[in-house]
Amino acid sequence: MDKIDKKIISLLQENARYPLKYLAQKVFLSSPAVSTRIERLEKSGIITGYHATVDPVALGYHITAFINLTLDPKQKDEFYPFVTDCPNVLECNCVTGVYSIMLKVAFPSTMELDTFIGHLQQYGNTQTQIVFSTAVPPRGIQLPQEEEEEETAQNQ
């Protein structure tokens, strides 16, 4: 992956709907050349998809929460299909520490969140934090540009 690929990835993370012509202008290549690079990045698994960012509150999901769960490893085969089928689960991560699973969820109300937590407790103990505000929303990975990489190499 070269500096042009990194620039294309940065631009697509900024706005995945940028036209090829715009991307081509930004990286000083032709539109077909940019298209070929994007296709290669997709095939190699670096670009894994394109998503719209939506406001959950505008869609009626007023409660965002993080739920920590202790999960016995023997229950993973039963737990993963359950949590995968729940549309309110935005993320499910295996983590280190006292709890082994951390879920990010969104619900219209605390009553619905409470019901979901009740279902989760069949798998283990839970601890829930409700989000009041988000100072840094989800964002893409910042890729170092070639100048930054050279500066880092010189400082080492």
Foldseek 3Di string as FASTA:
>chain_A
DALLLLQLVQVCLVPVPDDLCVSCVVSVHDSVVVVVSVVVCCVVPVDPDHDDDDDVVVVQFPWKKKKFFAADPVCCVVPVVVLVPDPQWPDWDQDDDPGGIITIGTHNDVVVVVVVVVVRCVGGDMDMDIDPDDPDDDGDDNDDHPVRVVVVVVVD
